[in-house]
Amino acid sequence: MDESRPIFLQIAEQIENDILDGTLPEGTQIPSTNEFAAFHRINPATALKGVSLLVDDGILVKRRGIGMFVADGARARLIARRRADFTAAYVRPLIHEADKLGISIDDLAGLVRAEGIQK
């Protein structure tokens, strides 16, 4: 766990990551809030707060008496949201800084490609 961020957000992000990487496919039941609480040694209410965020976003659905499940279309919604977040957090500032330095979009794309090749 990352001490700098609220635990409930980390629980939500962990579930999102498991959906994105295929560990939790759509239609799959997620662990209960009590299981999350026991695993992370946290209060069940904290785990519920993280799960509830994903229910509110339509990523998880509650089936009364059964549990929480990954919603149909959850992966696509997560990818769309994370791409938008990525663009806002990284791409726009990168383009802005490149513009200040006189780097064209084509040159910037070339720099990105070159960096990708080196790895």
N, C-alpha and C. Protein backbone atom coordinates (compact mmCIF):
# COMPACT_ATOMS: atom_id res chain seq x y z
N MET A 1 0.83 -1.18 0.00
CA MET A 1 0.00 0.00 0.00
C MET A 1 0.87 1.25 0.00
N ASP A 2 0.35 2.28 -0.65
CA ASP A 2 1.04 3.55 -0.78
C ASP A 2 0.52 4.50 0.30
N GLU A 3 1.37 4.85 1.24
CA GLU A 3 0.96 5.66 2.39
C GLU A 3 0.53 7.07 2.00
N SER A 4 0.90 7.53 0.80
CA SER A 4 0.59 8.90 0.41
C SER A 4 -0.82 9.06 -0.16
N ARG A 5 -1.50 7.96 -0.44
CA ARG A 5 -2.85 8.03 -1.03
C ARG A 5 -3.83 7.27 -0.16
N PRO A 6 -5.09 7.73 -0.10
CA PRO A 6 -6.08 7.03 0.71
C PRO A 6 -6.21 5.56 0.30
N ILE A 7 -6.36 4.70 1.29
CA ILE A 7 -6.42 3.26 1.04
C ILE A 7 -7.61 2.89 0.15
N PHE A 8 -8.76 3.54 0.36
CA PHE A 8 -9.92 3.19 -0.45
C PHE A 8 -9.69 3.45 -1.93
N LEU A 9 -8.92 4.50 -2.25
CA LEU A 9 -8.57 4.76 -3.66
C LEU A 9 -7.63 3.68 -4.19
N GLN A 10 -6.73 3.21 -3.35
CA GLN A 10 -5.81 2.16 -3.76
C GLN A 10 -6.55 0.84 -4.01
N ILE A 11 -7.58 0.56 -3.19
CA ILE A 11 -8.39 -0.64 -3.39
C ILE A 11 -9.10 -0.54 -4.74
N ALA A 12 -9.71 0.61 -5.01
CA ALA A 12 -10.41 0.81 -6.29
C ALA A 12 -9.45 0.66 -7.46
N GLU A 13 -8.26 1.24 -7.34
CA GLU A 13 -7.27 1.15 -8.42
C GLU A 13 -6.79 -0.28 -8.63
N GLN A 14 -6.63 -1.02 -7.53
CA GLN A 14 -6.22 -2.42 -7.64
C GLN A 14 -7.26 -3.23 -8.42
N ILE A 15 -8.53 -3.00 -8.12
CA ILE A 15 -9.60 -3.70 -8.84
C ILE A 15 -9.60 -3.28 -10.30
N GLU A 16 -9.45 -1.98 -10.56
CA GLU A 16 -9.39 -1.50 -11.95
C GLU A 16 -8.24 -2.17 -12.70
N ASN A 17 -7.06 -2.23 -12.08
CA ASN A 17 -5.91 -2.84 -12.73
C ASN A 17 -6.15 -4.32 -13.02
N ASP A 18 -6.82 -5.00 -12.10
CA ASP A 18 -7.14 -6.41 -12.31
C ASP A 18 -8.13 -6.59 -13.46
N ILE A 19 -9.02 -5.64 -13.62
CA ILE A 19 -9.96 -5.68 -14.76
C ILE A 19 -9.19 -5.43 -16.06
N LEU A 20 -8.33 -4.43 -16.04
CA LEU A 20 -7.58 -4.07 -17.25
C LEU A 20 -6.64 -5.17 -17.71
N ASP A 21 -5.99 -5.86 -16.77
CA ASP A 21 -5.03 -6.89 -17.17
C ASP A 21 -5.67 -8.27 -17.36
N GLY A 22 -7.00 -8.34 -17.17
CA GLY A 22 -7.70 -9.59 -17.44
C GLY A 22 -7.80 -10.53 -16.25
N THR A 23 -7.23 -10.16 -15.12
CA THR A 23 -7.34 -10.99 -13.92
C THR A 23 -8.81 -11.11 -13.48
N LEU A 24 -9.55 -10.01 -13.65
CA LEU A 24 -10.98 -9.99 -13.35
C LEU A 24 -11.76 -9.69 -14.62
N PRO A 25 -12.11 -10.72 -15.40
CA PRO A 25 -12.89 -10.48 -16.63
C PRO A 25 -14.30 -9.99 -16.30
N GLU A 26 -14.93 -9.39 -17.28
CA GLU A 26 -16.31 -8.93 -17.12
C GLU A 26 -17.19 -10.11 -16.75
N GLY A 27 -18.10 -9.88 -15.80
CA GLY A 27 -18.99 -10.92 -15.32
C GLY A 27 -18.45 -11.69 -14.14
N THR A 28 -17.18 -11.45 -13.79
CA THR A 28 -16.54 -12.17 -12.68
C THR A 28 -16.88 -11.52 -11.36
N GLN A 29 -17.07 -12.35 -10.34
CA GLN A 29 -17.30 -11.84 -9.00
C GLN A 29 -15.97 -11.39 -8.41
N ILE A 30 -15.98 -10.24 -7.75
CA ILE A 30 -14.77 -9.75 -7.09
C ILE A 30 -14.77 -10.25 -5.65
N PRO A 31 -13.62 -10.21 -4.99
CA PRO A 31 -13.59 -10.58 -3.57
C PRO A 31 -14.52 -9.67 -2.76
N SER A 32 -15.00 -10.18 -1.66
CA SER A 32 -15.89 -9.39 -0.79
C SER A 32 -15.08 -8.30 -0.10
N THR A 33 -15.81 -7.31 0.41
CA THR A 33 -15.13 -6.24 1.15
C THR A 33 -14.44 -6.81 2.39
N ASN A 34 -15.03 -7.83 2.99
CA ASN A 34 -14.37 -8.46 4.14
C ASN A 34 -13.07 -9.15 3.74
N GLU A 35 -13.05 -9.75 2.55
CA GLU A 35 -11.81 -10.38 2.07
C GLU A 35 -10.74 -9.33 1.81
N PHE A 36 -11.14 -8.21 1.17
CA PHE A 36 -10.19 -7.12 0.95
C PHE A 36 -9.67 -6.61 2.29
N ALA A 37 -10.58 -6.43 3.24
CA ALA A 37 -10.20 -5.91 4.55
C ALA A 37 -9.22 -6.83 5.26
N ALA A 38 -9.50 -8.12 5.22
CA ALA A 38 -8.60 -9.08 5.88
C ALA A 38 -7.24 -9.12 5.18
N PHE A 39 -7.25 -9.13 3.86
CA PHE A 39 -6.00 -9.21 3.11
C PHE A 39 -5.11 -8.00 3.37
N HIS A 40 -5.72 -6.81 3.36
CA HIS A 40 -4.95 -5.56 3.52
C HIS A 40 -4.88 -5.09 4.97
N ARG A 41 -5.55 -5.82 5.86
CA ARG A 41 -5.59 -5.46 7.28
C ARG A 41 -6.13 -4.04 7.47
N ILE A 42 -7.32 -3.83 6.91
CA ILE A 42 -7.98 -2.53 6.99
C ILE A 42 -9.42 -2.75 7.45
N ASN A 43 -10.08 -1.67 7.77
CA ASN A 43 -11.48 -1.71 8.17
C ASN A 43 -12.34 -2.07 6.95
N PRO A 44 -13.32 -2.96 7.11
CA PRO A 44 -14.20 -3.31 5.97
C PRO A 44 -14.92 -2.09 5.37
N ALA A 45 -15.20 -1.08 6.19
CA ALA A 45 -15.85 0.13 5.68
C ALA A 45 -14.94 0.86 4.68
N THR A 46 -13.65 0.80 4.92
CA THR A 46 -12.68 1.41 4.00
C THR A 46 -12.68 0.67 2.67
N ALA A 47 -12.68 -0.65 2.73
CA ALA A 47 -12.73 -1.45 1.51
C ALA A 47 -14.03 -1.19 0.76
N LEU A 48 -15.14 -1.10 1.50
CA LEU A 48 -16.44 -0.83 0.88
C LEU A 48 -16.45 0.52 0.17
N LYS A 49 -15.78 1.50 0.74
CA LYS A 49 -15.72 2.83 0.13
C LYS A 49 -15.04 2.75 -1.25
N GLY A 50 -13.97 1.97 -1.35
CA GLY A 50 -13.29 1.80 -2.64
C GLY A 50 -14.15 1.06 -3.65
N VAL A 51 -14.82 0.01 -3.21
CA VAL A 51 -15.70 -0.77 -4.08
C VAL A 51 -16.88 0.10 -4.52
N SER A 52 -17.41 0.88 -3.60
CA SER A 52 -18.56 1.74 -3.93
C SER A 52 -18.23 2.78 -5.00
N LEU A 53 -17.00 3.27 -5.00
CA LEU A 53 -16.59 4.19 -6.07
C LEU A 53 -16.77 3.54 -7.44
N LEU A 54 -16.39 2.27 -7.53
CA LEU A 54 -16.49 1.57 -8.81
C LEU A 54 -17.93 1.22 -9.16
N VAL A 55 -18.75 1.00 -8.16
CA VAL A 55 -20.19 0.79 -8.41
C VAL A 55 -20.78 2.08 -8.96
N ASP A 56 -20.44 3.21 -8.33
CA ASP A 56 -20.95 4.50 -8.78
C ASP A 56 -20.52 4.82 -10.21
N ASP A 57 -19.33 4.35 -10.60
CA ASP A 57 -18.81 4.59 -11.96
C ASP A 57 -19.32 3.57 -12.97
N GLY A 58 -20.10 2.59 -12.51
CA GLY A 58 -20.63 1.57 -13.42
C GLY A 58 -19.62 0.50 -13.79
N ILE A 59 -18.52 0.43 -13.06
CA ILE A 59 -17.48 -0.58 -13.32
C ILE A 59 -17.87 -1.91 -12.66
N LEU A 60 -18.48 -1.81 -11.50
CA LEU A 60 -18.96 -2.99 -10.78
C LEU A 60 -20.48 -2.90 -10.62
N VAL A 61 -21.11 -4.06 -10.55
CA VAL A 61 -22.54 -4.12 -10.28
C VAL A 61 -22.77 -5.01 -9.07
N LYS A 62 -23.76 -4.63 -8.29
CA LYS A 62 -24.09 -5.40 -7.09
C LYS A 62 -25.25 -6.32 -7.41
N ARG A 63 -25.09 -7.59 -7.06
CA ARG A 63 -26.17 -8.55 -7.18
C ARG A 63 -26.57 -8.92 -5.76
N ARG A 64 -27.76 -8.46 -5.38
CA ARG A 64 -28.22 -8.65 -3.99
C ARG A 64 -28.09 -10.08 -3.52
N GLY A 65 -27.47 -10.21 -2.36
CA GLY A 65 -27.33 -11.51 -1.75
C GLY A 65 -26.23 -12.38 -2.33
N ILE A 66 -25.61 -11.90 -3.41
CA ILE A 66 -24.56 -12.70 -4.06
C ILE A 66 -23.20 -12.02 -3.94
N GLY A 67 -23.15 -10.72 -4.28
CA GLY A 67 -21.88 -9.99 -4.21
C GLY A 67 -21.74 -8.99 -5.32
N MET A 68 -20.51 -8.56 -5.53
CA MET A 68 -20.16 -7.57 -6.55
C MET A 68 -19.52 -8.27 -7.73
N PHE A 69 -19.88 -7.79 -8.93
CA PHE A 69 -19.38 -8.39 -10.16
C PHE A 69 -18.88 -7.30 -11.09
N VAL A 70 -17.93 -7.66 -11.95
CA VAL A 70 -17.42 -6.74 -12.96
C VAL A 70 -18.51 -6.56 -14.00
N ALA A 71 -18.87 -5.31 -14.26
CA ALA A 71 -19.95 -4.99 -15.18
C ALA A 71 -19.55 -5.24 -16.63
N ASP A 72 -20.54 -5.53 -17.46
CA ASP A 72 -20.30 -5.63 -18.90
C ASP A 72 -19.82 -4.27 -19.40
N GLY A 73 -18.79 -4.26 -20.22
CA GLY A 73 -18.24 -3.02 -20.77
C GLY A 73 -17.31 -2.27 -19.83
N ALA A 74 -17.03 -2.85 -18.66
CA ALA A 74 -16.19 -2.17 -17.66
C ALA A 74 -14.78 -1.91 -18.19
N ARG A 75 -14.21 -2.89 -18.84
CA ARG A 75 -12.82 -2.73 -19.34
C ARG A 75 -12.74 -1.59 -20.34
N ALA A 76 -13.69 -1.53 -21.27
CA ALA A 76 -13.68 -0.47 -22.28
C ALA A 76 -13.86 0.90 -21.63
N ARG A 77 -14.72 1.00 -20.62
CA ARG A 77 -14.91 2.27 -19.91
C ARG A 77 -13.64 2.69 -19.18
N LEU A 78 -12.98 1.71 -18.55
CA LEU A 78 -11.74 2.02 -17.85
C LEU A 78 -10.65 2.49 -18.81
N ILE A 79 -10.53 1.80 -19.93
CA ILE A 79 -9.52 2.19 -20.92
C ILE A 79 -9.79 3.61 -21.42
N ALA A 80 -11.05 3.91 -21.73
CA ALA A 80 -11.39 5.25 -22.22
C ALA A 80 -11.07 6.32 -21.17
N ARG A 81 -11.42 6.06 -19.91
CA ARG A 81 -11.15 7.03 -18.86
C ARG A 81 -9.66 7.20 -18.63
N ARG A 82 -8.94 6.10 -18.60
CA ARG A 82 -7.49 6.19 -18.35
C ARG A 82 -6.76 6.85 -19.52
N ARG A 83 -7.23 6.61 -20.73
CA ARG A 83 -6.62 7.30 -21.88
C ARG A 83 -6.84 8.80 -21.78
N ALA A 84 -8.04 9.20 -21.40
CA ALA A 84 -8.33 10.62 -21.24
C ALA A 84 -7.47 11.22 -20.13
N ASP A 85 -7.34 10.50 -19.02
CA ASP A 85 -6.49 10.95 -17.91
C ASP A 85 -5.03 11.05 -18.35
N PHE A 86 -4.57 10.06 -19.12
CA PHE A 86 -3.19 10.04 -19.61
C PHE A 86 -2.93 11.25 -20.51
N THR A 87 -3.88 11.52 -21.38
CA THR A 87 -3.74 12.67 -22.28
C THR A 87 -3.63 13.97 -21.49
N ALA A 88 -4.51 14.13 -20.51
CA ALA A 88 -4.50 15.36 -19.72
C ALA A 88 -3.24 15.48 -18.87
N ALA A 89 -2.79 14.38 -18.29
CA ALA A 89 -1.65 14.44 -17.37
C ALA A 89 -0.30 14.45 -18.06
N TYR A 90 -0.20 13.81 -19.24
CA TYR A 90 1.11 13.64 -19.86
C TYR A 90 1.22 14.23 -21.27
N VAL A 91 0.26 13.93 -22.12
CA VAL A 91 0.39 14.33 -23.52
C VAL A 91 0.28 15.85 -23.68
N ARG A 92 -0.76 16.44 -23.10
CA ARG A 92 -0.91 17.90 -23.25
C ARG A 92 0.28 18.66 -22.68
N PRO A 93 0.74 18.32 -21.45
CA PRO A 93 1.93 19.03 -20.94
C PRO A 93 3.17 18.78 -21.81
N LEU A 94 3.31 17.58 -22.35
CA LEU A 94 4.45 17.28 -23.22
C LEU A 94 4.42 18.15 -24.47
N ILE A 95 3.26 18.25 -25.10
CA ILE A 95 3.11 19.07 -26.30
C ILE A 95 3.36 20.54 -25.98
N HIS A 96 2.85 20.99 -24.85
CA HIS A 96 3.05 22.38 -24.44
C HIS A 96 4.54 22.69 -24.25
N GLU A 97 5.25 21.80 -23.56
CA GLU A 97 6.68 22.00 -23.33
C GLU A 97 7.46 21.93 -24.64
N ALA A 98 7.09 20.98 -25.50
CA ALA A 98 7.76 20.87 -26.80
C ALA A 98 7.57 22.16 -27.61
N ASP A 99 6.38 22.71 -27.55
CA ASP A 99 6.10 23.96 -28.28
C ASP A 99 6.99 25.09 -27.76
N LYS A 100 7.16 25.17 -26.43
CA LYS A 100 8.03 26.20 -25.85
C LYS A 100 9.47 26.03 -26.31
N LEU A 101 9.87 24.78 -26.58
CA LEU A 101 11.25 24.51 -26.98
C LEU A 101 11.43 24.51 -28.49
N GLY A 102 10.35 24.80 -29.22
CA GLY A 102 10.44 24.83 -30.68
C GLY A 102 10.50 23.46 -31.32
N ILE A 103 10.01 22.44 -30.63
CA ILE A 103 9.99 21.08 -31.17
C ILE A 103 8.65 20.86 -31.85
N SER A 104 8.69 20.54 -33.14
CA SER A 104 7.46 20.31 -33.89
C SER A 104 6.80 19.00 -33.45
N ILE A 105 5.55 18.85 -33.79
CA ILE A 105 4.83 17.61 -33.47
C ILE A 105 5.51 16.42 -34.15
N ASP A 106 5.94 16.60 -35.39
CA ASP A 106 6.62 15.52 -36.09
C ASP A 106 7.94 15.14 -35.41
N ASP A 107 8.71 16.15 -34.99
CA ASP A 107 9.96 15.88 -34.29
C ASP A 107 9.70 15.22 -32.93
N LEU A 108 8.65 15.68 -32.27
CA LEU A 108 8.29 15.09 -30.98
C LEU A 108 7.90 13.62 -31.16
N ALA A 109 7.13 13.33 -32.19
CA ALA A 109 6.75 11.94 -32.47
C ALA A 109 8.00 11.10 -32.74
N GLY A 110 8.96 11.67 -33.44
CA GLY A 110 10.21 10.96 -33.71
C GLY A 110 10.98 10.69 -32.43
N LEU A 111 11.01 11.65 -31.53
CA LEU A 111 11.68 11.46 -30.24
C LEU A 111 11.01 10.35 -29.44
N VAL A 112 9.69 10.34 -29.45
CA VAL A 112 8.95 9.30 -28.72
C VAL A 112 9.24 7.93 -29.33
N ARG A 113 9.22 7.86 -30.66
CA ARG A 113 9.52 6.58 -31.32
C ARG A 113 10.93 6.12 -30.99
N ALA A 114 11.90 7.04 -31.02
CA ALA A 114 13.28 6.69 -30.72
C ALA A 114 13.44 6.16 -29.30
N GLU A 115 12.75 6.78 -28.36
CA GLU A 115 12.80 6.31 -26.97
C GLU A 115 12.18 4.93 -26.84
N GLY A 116 11.11 4.70 -27.57
CA GLY A 116 10.44 3.40 -27.52
C GLY A 116 11.32 2.30 -28.10
N ILE A 117 12.11 2.61 -29.09
CA ILE A 117 13.00 1.64 -29.73
C ILE A 117 14.15 1.26 -28.80
N GLN A 118 14.61 2.19 -27.99
CA GLN A 118 15.75 1.96 -27.11
C GLN A 118 15.44 0.98 -26.00
N LYS A 119 14.19 0.79 -25.66
CA LYS A 119 13.85 -0.08 -24.52
C LYS A 119 13.76 -1.50 -24.89
